[in-house]
Amino acid sequence: MGADVIVVLGDGTRIQFSVGAKGSWLASAHPSGLFSGDGLPRLSLITCTGGYDRSSQTYAERLIVEAGYVGLA
């Protein structure tokens, strides 16, 4: 935790986020508030993890890393 993520916008502005949480969820789960537009700015990075299911051609879980807005980088 605490790793920095720098996002470079189309106009060249650099914005800094700091990782505050991570967790794995079943691929079929819908974590509460994940896509909410409320609250402070944040960055949610989502990727696949867990075992691969050939029949559905997807992984069993999703790894979600949450990073909170720090400011301009």
PDB file of N, CA and C in Angstrom:
ATOM      1  N   MET A   1       0.842  -1.185   0.000  1.00  0.00           N
ATOM      2  CA  MET A   1       0.000   0.000   0.000  1.00  0.00           C
ATOM      3  C   MET A   1       0.886   1.248   0.000  1.00  0.00           C
ATOM      4  N   GLY A   2       0.278   2.351  -0.378  1.00  0.00           N
ATOM      5  CA  GLY A   2       1.014   3.596  -0.395  1.00  0.00           C
ATOM      6  C   GLY A   2       1.795   3.856  -1.662  1.00  0.00           C
ATOM      7  N   ALA A   3       1.798   2.927  -2.609  1.00  0.00           N
ATOM      8  CA  ALA A   3       2.500   3.156  -3.879  1.00  0.00           C
ATOM      9  C   ALA A   3       1.818   4.292  -4.628  1.00  0.00           C
ATOM     10  N   ASP A   4       2.607   5.070  -5.335  1.00  0.00           N
ATOM     11  CA  ASP A   4       2.071   6.183  -6.110  1.00  0.00           C
ATOM     12  C   ASP A   4       1.756   5.758  -7.540  1.00  0.00           C
ATOM     13  N   VAL A   5       0.690   6.343  -8.072  1.00  0.00           N
ATOM     14  CA  VAL A   5       0.306   6.153  -9.466  1.00  0.00           C
ATOM     15  C   VAL A   5       0.187   7.553 -10.064  1.00  0.00           C
ATOM     16  N   ILE A   6       0.900   7.793 -11.146  1.00  0.00           N
ATOM     17  CA  ILE A   6       0.839   9.088 -11.827  1.00  0.00           C
ATOM     18  C   ILE A   6       0.054   8.899 -13.130  1.00  0.00           C
ATOM     19  N   VAL A   7      -0.970   9.727 -13.316  1.00  0.00           N
ATOM     20  CA  VAL A   7      -1.784   9.697 -14.532  1.00  0.00           C
ATOM     21  C   VAL A   7      -1.456  10.948 -15.322  1.00  0.00           C
ATOM     22  N   VAL A   8      -1.135  10.773 -16.602  1.00  0.00           N
ATOM     23  CA  VAL A   8      -0.849  11.910 -17.474  1.00  0.00           C
ATOM     24  C   VAL A   8      -2.061  12.120 -18.376  1.00  0.00           C
ATOM     25  N   LEU A   9      -2.684  13.275 -18.248  1.00  0.00           N
ATOM     26  CA  LEU A   9      -3.862  13.614 -19.038  1.00  0.00           C
ATOM     27  C   LEU A   9      -3.465  14.035 -20.447  1.00  0.00           C
ATOM     28  N   GLY A  10      -4.442  14.128 -21.332  1.00  0.00           N
ATOM     29  CA  GLY A  10      -4.205  14.488 -22.722  1.00  0.00           C
ATOM     30  C   GLY A  10      -3.509  15.822 -22.899  1.00  0.00           C
ATOM     31  N   ASP A  11      -3.724  16.754 -21.968  1.00  0.00           N
ATOM     32  CA  ASP A  11      -3.083  18.067 -22.069  1.00  0.00           C
ATOM     33  C   ASP A  11      -1.710  18.103 -21.405  1.00  0.00           C
ATOM     34  N   GLY A  12      -1.242  16.931 -20.918  1.00  0.00           N
ATOM     35  CA  GLY A  12       0.071  16.848 -20.279  1.00  0.00           C
ATOM     36  C   GLY A  12       0.048  17.023 -18.771  1.00  0.00           C
ATOM     37  N   THR A  13      -1.094  17.418 -18.209  1.00  0.00           N
ATOM     38  CA  THR A  13      -1.211  17.548 -16.761  1.00  0.00           C
ATOM     39  C   THR A  13      -0.969  16.194 -16.102  1.00  0.00           C
ATOM     40  N   ARG A  14      -0.179  16.197 -15.028  1.00  0.00           N
ATOM     41  CA  ARG A  14       0.128  14.967 -14.294  1.00  0.00           C
ATOM     42  C   ARG A  14      -0.596  14.995 -12.956  1.00  0.00           C
ATOM     43  N   ILE A  15      -1.353  13.934 -12.669  1.00  0.00           N
ATOM     44  CA  ILE A  15      -2.126  13.834 -11.432  1.00  0.00           C
ATOM     45  C   ILE A  15      -1.626  12.633 -10.640  1.00  0.00           C
ATOM     46  N   GLN A  16      -1.459  12.816  -9.346  1.00  0.00           N
ATOM     47  CA  GLN A  16      -0.932  11.759  -8.483  1.00  0.00           C
ATOM     48  C   GLN A  16      -2.033  11.132  -7.634  1.00  0.00           C
ATOM     49  N   PHE A  17      -2.006   9.796  -7.554  1.00  0.00           N
ATOM     50  CA  PHE A  17      -2.889   9.015  -6.691  1.00  0.00           C
ATOM     51  C   PHE A  17      -2.011   8.142  -5.810  1.00  0.00           C
ATOM     52  N   SER A  18      -2.518   7.750  -4.643  1.00  0.00           N
ATOM     53  CA  SER A  18      -1.789   6.872  -3.730  1.00  0.00           C
ATOM     54  C   SER A  18      -2.640   5.643  -3.426  1.00  0.00           C
ATOM     55  N   VAL A  19      -2.070   4.453  -3.599  1.00  0.00           N
ATOM     56  CA  VAL A  19      -2.805   3.201  -3.364  1.00  0.00           C
ATOM     57  C   VAL A  19      -3.139   3.070  -1.881  1.00  0.00           C
ATOM     58  N   GLY A  20      -4.424   2.832  -1.609  1.00  0.00           N
ATOM     59  CA  GLY A  20      -4.877   2.701  -0.232  1.00  0.00           C
ATOM     60  C   GLY A  20      -5.485   1.355   0.092  1.00  0.00           C
ATOM     61  N   ALA A  21      -5.902   0.604  -0.929  1.00  0.00           N
ATOM     62  CA  ALA A  21      -6.546  -0.685  -0.676  1.00  0.00           C
ATOM     63  C   ALA A  21      -6.469  -1.567  -1.910  1.00  0.00           C
ATOM     64  N   LYS A  22      -6.532  -2.863  -1.681  1.00  0.00           N
ATOM     65  CA  LYS A  22      -6.635  -3.817  -2.773  1.00  0.00           C
ATOM     66  C   LYS A  22      -7.407  -5.021  -2.274  1.00  0.00           C
ATOM     67  N   GLY A  23      -8.051  -5.720  -3.198  1.00  0.00           N
ATOM     68  CA  GLY A  23      -8.802  -6.909  -2.826  1.00  0.00           C
ATOM     69  C   GLY A  23      -9.208  -7.704  -4.039  1.00  0.00           C
ATOM     70  N   SER A  24      -9.528  -8.976  -3.808  1.00  0.00           N
ATOM     71  CA  SER A  24      -9.997  -9.854  -4.880  1.00  0.00           C
ATOM     72  C   SER A  24     -11.480 -10.113  -4.701  1.00  0.00           C
ATOM     73  N   TRP A  25     -12.195 -10.124  -5.807  1.00  0.00           N
ATOM     74  CA  TRP A  25     -13.637 -10.346  -5.810  1.00  0.00           C
ATOM     75  C   TRP A  25     -13.962 -11.392  -6.864  1.00  0.00           C
ATOM     76  N   LEU A  26     -14.993 -12.175  -6.629  1.00  0.00           N
ATOM     77  CA  LEU A  26     -15.457 -13.098  -7.656  1.00  0.00           C
ATOM     78  C   LEU A  26     -15.801 -12.303  -8.907  1.00  0.00           C
ATOM     79  N   ALA A  27     -15.560 -12.889 -10.061  1.00  0.00           N
ATOM     80  CA  ALA A  27     -15.811 -12.194 -11.325  1.00  0.00           C
ATOM     81  C   ALA A  27     -17.262 -11.753 -11.449  1.00  0.00           C
ATOM     82  N   SER A  28     -18.179 -12.480 -10.830  1.00  0.00           N
ATOM     83  CA  SER A  28     -19.603 -12.153 -10.910  1.00  0.00           C
ATOM     84  C   SER A  28     -20.041 -11.120  -9.871  1.00  0.00           C
ATOM     85  N   ALA A  29     -19.148 -10.750  -8.956  1.00  0.00           N
ATOM     86  CA  ALA A  29     -19.492  -9.811  -7.875  1.00  0.00           C
ATOM     87  C   ALA A  29     -19.542  -8.372  -8.392  1.00  0.00           C
ATOM     88  N   HIS A  30     -20.279  -7.567  -7.689  1.00  0.00           N
ATOM     89  CA  HIS A  30     -20.384  -6.138  -7.985  1.00  0.00           C
ATOM     90  C   HIS A  30     -20.114  -5.380  -6.691  1.00  0.00           C
ATOM     91  N   PRO A  31     -18.841  -5.114  -6.374  1.00  0.00           N
ATOM     92  CA  PRO A  31     -18.499  -4.441  -5.120  1.00  0.00           C
ATOM     93  C   PRO A  31     -19.242  -3.113  -4.962  1.00  0.00           C
ATOM     94  N   SER A  32     -19.789  -2.916  -3.798  1.00  0.00           N
ATOM     95  CA  SER A  32     -20.564  -1.715  -3.500  1.00  0.00           C
ATOM     96  C   SER A  32     -19.728  -0.452  -3.707  1.00  0.00           C
ATOM     97  N   GLY A  33     -20.258   0.497  -4.444  1.00  0.00           N
ATOM     98  CA  GLY A  33     -19.624   1.792  -4.635  1.00  0.00           C
ATOM     99  C   GLY A  33     -18.485   1.836  -5.631  1.00  0.00           C
ATOM    100  N   LEU A  34     -18.151   0.716  -6.258  1.00  0.00           N
ATOM    101  CA  LEU A  34     -16.998   0.691  -7.160  1.00  0.00           C
ATOM    102  C   LEU A  34     -17.121   1.721  -8.282  1.00  0.00           C
ATOM    103  N   PHE A  35     -18.297   1.844  -8.859  1.00  0.00           N
ATOM    104  CA  PHE A  35     -18.482   2.768  -9.977  1.00  0.00           C
ATOM    105  C   PHE A  35     -19.247   4.032  -9.573  1.00  0.00           C
ATOM    106  N   SER A  36     -19.257   4.322  -8.293  1.00  0.00           N
ATOM    107  CA  SER A  36     -19.947   5.509  -7.789  1.00  0.00           C
ATOM    108  C   SER A  36     -19.186   6.782  -8.173  1.00  0.00           C
ATOM    109  N   GLY A  37     -19.924   7.808  -8.498  1.00  0.00           N
ATOM    110  CA  GLY A  37     -19.324   9.101  -8.808  1.00  0.00           C
ATOM    111  C   GLY A  37     -19.289  10.017  -7.601  1.00  0.00           C
ATOM    112  N   ASP A  38     -19.713   9.513  -6.451  1.00  0.00           N
ATOM    113  CA  ASP A  38     -19.758  10.314  -5.221  1.00  0.00           C
ATOM    114  C   ASP A  38     -18.419  10.257  -4.490  1.00  0.00           C
ATOM    115  N   GLY A  39     -18.193  11.218  -3.613  1.00  0.00           N
ATOM    116  CA  GLY A  39     -17.004  11.210  -2.768  1.00  0.00           C
ATOM    117  C   GLY A  39     -15.803  11.844  -3.429  1.00  0.00           C
ATOM    118  N   LEU A  40     -14.664  11.626  -2.806  1.00  0.00           N
ATOM    119  CA  LEU A  40     -13.414  12.199  -3.279  1.00  0.00           C
ATOM    120  C   LEU A  40     -12.944  11.506  -4.564  1.00  0.00           C
ATOM    121  N   PRO A  41     -12.150  12.187  -5.382  1.00  0.00           N
ATOM    122  CA  PRO A  41     -11.623  11.559  -6.597  1.00  0.00           C
ATOM    123  C   PRO A  41     -10.799  10.322  -6.246  1.00  0.00           C
ATOM    124  N   ARG A  42     -10.880   9.297  -7.076  1.00  0.00           N
ATOM    125  CA  ARG A  42     -10.122   8.070  -6.851  1.00  0.00           C
ATOM    126  C   ARG A  42      -9.882   7.379  -8.177  1.00  0.00           C
ATOM    127  N   LEU A  43      -8.991   6.438  -8.142  1.00  0.00           N
ATOM    128  CA  LEU A  43      -8.648   5.653  -9.311  1.00  0.00           C
ATOM    129  C   LEU A  43      -8.833   4.192  -8.931  1.00  0.00           C
ATOM    130  N   SER A  44      -9.575   3.442  -9.743  1.00  0.00           N
ATOM    131  CA  SER A  44      -9.784   2.013  -9.503  1.00  0.00           C
ATOM    132  C   SER A  44      -9.162   1.239 -10.663  1.00  0.00           C
ATOM    133  N   LEU A  45      -8.168   0.429 -10.360  1.00  0.00           N
ATOM    134  CA  LEU A  45      -7.499  -0.397 -11.363  1.00  0.00           C
ATOM    135  C   LEU A  45      -8.026  -1.816 -11.215  1.00  0.00           C
ATOM    136  N   ILE A  46      -8.539  -2.387 -12.298  1.00  0.00           N
ATOM    137  CA  ILE A  46      -9.180  -3.702 -12.251  1.00  0.00           C
ATOM    138  C   ILE A  46      -8.497  -4.625 -13.254  1.00  0.00           C
ATOM    139  N   THR A  47      -8.120  -5.826 -12.788  1.00  0.00           N
ATOM    140  CA  THR A  47      -7.523  -6.822 -13.668  1.00  0.00           C
ATOM    141  C   THR A  47      -7.989  -8.213 -13.236  1.00  0.00           C
ATOM    142  N   CYS A  48      -7.648  -9.205 -14.003  1.00  0.00           N
ATOM    143  CA  CYS A  48      -8.069 -10.579 -13.714  1.00  0.00           C
ATOM    144  C   CYS A  48      -7.060 -11.277 -12.818  1.00  0.00           C
ATOM    145  N   THR A  49      -7.555 -12.232 -11.994  1.00  0.00           N
ATOM    146  CA  THR A  49      -6.708 -13.057 -11.149  1.00  0.00           C
ATOM    147  C   THR A  49      -7.434 -14.370 -10.876  1.00  0.00           C
ATOM    148  N   GLY A  50      -6.785 -15.264 -10.174  1.00  0.00           N
ATOM    149  CA  GLY A  50      -7.410 -16.547  -9.864  1.00  0.00           C
ATOM    150  C   GLY A  50      -7.278 -17.527 -11.015  1.00  0.00           C
ATOM    151  N   GLY A  51      -7.975 -18.630 -10.888  1.00  0.00           N
ATOM    152  CA  GLY A  51      -7.906 -19.678 -11.906  1.00  0.00           C
ATOM    153  C   GLY A  51      -8.633 -19.303 -13.186  1.00  0.00           C
ATOM    154  N   TYR A  52      -8.137 -19.832 -14.292  1.00  0.00           N
ATOM    155  CA  TYR A  52      -8.744 -19.580 -15.592  1.00  0.00           C
ATOM    156  C   TYR A  52      -9.764 -20.670 -15.899  1.00  0.00           C
ATOM    157  N   ASP A  53     -10.974 -20.269 -16.302  1.00  0.00           N
ATOM    158  CA  ASP A  53     -12.044 -21.195 -16.651  1.00  0.00           C
ATOM    159  C   ASP A  53     -12.161 -21.235 -18.173  1.00  0.00           C
ATOM    160  N   ARG A  54     -11.708 -22.351 -18.758  1.00  0.00           N
ATOM    161  CA  ARG A  54     -11.715 -22.459 -20.226  1.00  0.00           C
ATOM    162  C   ARG A  54     -13.130 -22.420 -20.806  1.00  0.00           C
ATOM    163  N   SER A  55     -14.102 -22.971 -20.092  1.00  0.00           N
ATOM    164  CA  SER A  55     -15.470 -23.017 -20.635  1.00  0.00           C
ATOM    165  C   SER A  55     -16.067 -21.621 -20.793  1.00  0.00           C
ATOM    166  N   SER A  56     -15.810 -20.730 -19.853  1.00  0.00           N
ATOM    167  CA  SER A  56     -16.335 -19.361 -19.953  1.00  0.00           C
ATOM    168  C   SER A  56     -15.290 -18.390 -20.491  1.00  0.00           C
ATOM    169  N   GLN A  57     -14.067 -18.863 -20.686  1.00  0.00           N
ATOM    170  CA  GLN A  57     -12.952 -18.076 -21.211  1.00  0.00           C
ATOM    171  C   GLN A  57     -12.705 -16.801 -20.405  1.00  0.00           C
ATOM    172  N   THR A  58     -12.672 -16.972 -19.079  1.00  0.00           N
ATOM    173  CA  THR A  58     -12.381 -15.845 -18.204  1.00  0.00           C
ATOM    174  C   THR A  58     -11.751 -16.364 -16.913  1.00  0.00           C
ATOM    175  N   TYR A  59     -11.231 -15.455 -16.131  1.00  0.00           N
ATOM    176  CA  TYR A  59     -10.660 -15.808 -14.835  1.00  0.00           C
ATOM    177  C   TYR A  59     -11.732 -15.754 -13.759  1.00  0.00           C
ATOM    178  N   ALA A  60     -11.516 -16.474 -12.676  1.00  0.00           N
ATOM    179  CA  ALA A  60     -12.513 -16.612 -11.611  1.00  0.00           C
ATOM    180  C   ALA A  60     -12.695 -15.348 -10.789  1.00  0.00           C
ATOM    181  N   GLU A  61     -11.663 -14.525 -10.700  1.00  0.00           N
ATOM    182  CA  GLU A  61     -11.716 -13.365  -9.816  1.00  0.00           C
ATOM    183  C   GLU A  61     -11.206 -12.108 -10.508  1.00  0.00           C
ATOM    184  N   ARG A  62     -11.493 -10.986  -9.863  1.00  0.00           N
ATOM    185  CA  ARG A  62     -10.975  -9.689 -10.292  1.00  0.00           C
ATOM    186  C   ARG A  62     -10.171  -9.104  -9.144  1.00  0.00           C
ATOM    187  N   LEU A  63      -8.989  -8.603  -9.452  1.00  0.00           N
ATOM    188  CA  LEU A  63      -8.171  -7.892  -8.478  1.00  0.00           C
ATOM    189  C   LEU A  63      -8.459  -6.410  -8.660  1.00  0.00           C
ATOM    190  N   ILE A  64      -8.854  -5.750  -7.584  1.00  0.00           N
ATOM    191  CA  ILE A  64      -9.191  -4.325  -7.648  1.00  0.00           C
ATOM    192  C   ILE A  64      -8.252  -3.566  -6.719  1.00  0.00           C
ATOM    193  N   VAL A  65      -7.543  -2.585  -7.287  1.00  0.00           N
ATOM    194  CA  VAL A  65      -6.631  -1.734  -6.529  1.00  0.00           C
ATOM    195  C   VAL A  65      -7.241  -0.334  -6.512  1.00  0.00           C
ATOM    196  N   GLU A  66      -7.439   0.207  -5.308  1.00  0.00           N
ATOM    197  CA  GLU A  66      -8.039   1.536  -5.141  1.00  0.00           C
ATOM    198  C   GLU A  66      -6.960   2.544  -4.750  1.00  0.00           C
ATOM    199  N   ALA A  67      -6.929   3.671  -5.427  1.00  0.00           N
ATOM    200  CA  ALA A  67      -5.969   4.729  -5.134  1.00  0.00           C
ATOM    201  C   ALA A  67      -6.707   6.054  -4.974  1.00  0.00           C
ATOM    202  N   GLY A  68      -6.362   6.792  -3.933  1.00  0.00           N
ATOM    203  CA  GLY A  68      -6.988   8.079  -3.652  1.00  0.00           C
ATOM    204  C   GLY A  68      -6.196   9.231  -4.244  1.00  0.00           C
ATOM    205  N   TYR A  69      -6.907  10.272  -4.595  1.00  0.00           N
ATOM    206  CA  TYR A  69      -6.311  11.466  -5.199  1.00  0.00           C
ATOM    207  C   TYR A  69      -5.390  12.165  -4.202  1.00  0.00           C
ATOM    208  N   VAL A  70      -4.187  12.522  -4.649  1.00  0.00           N
ATOM    209  CA  VAL A  70      -3.221  13.259  -3.819  1.00  0.00           C
ATOM    210  C   VAL A  70      -3.128  14.696  -4.280  1.00  0.00           C
ATOM    211  N   GLY A  71      -3.038  14.906  -5.596  1.00  0.00           N
ATOM    212  CA  GLY A  71      -2.922  16.250  -6.139  1.00  0.00           C
ATOM    213  C   GLY A  71      -2.127  16.232  -7.430  1.00  0.00           C
ATOM    214  N   LEU A  72      -1.719  17.408  -7.870  1.00  0.00           N
ATOM    215  CA  LEU A  72      -0.911  17.490  -9.074  1.00  0.00           C
ATOM    216  C   LEU A  72       0.469  16.911  -8.799  1.00  0.00           C
ATOM    217  N   ALA A  73       1.020  16.223  -9.782  1.00  0.00           N
ATOM    218  CA  ALA A  73       2.336  15.592  -9.595  1.00  0.00           C
ATOM    219  C   ALA A  73       3.430  16.430 -10.226  1.00  0.00           C
TER     220      ALA A  73
END
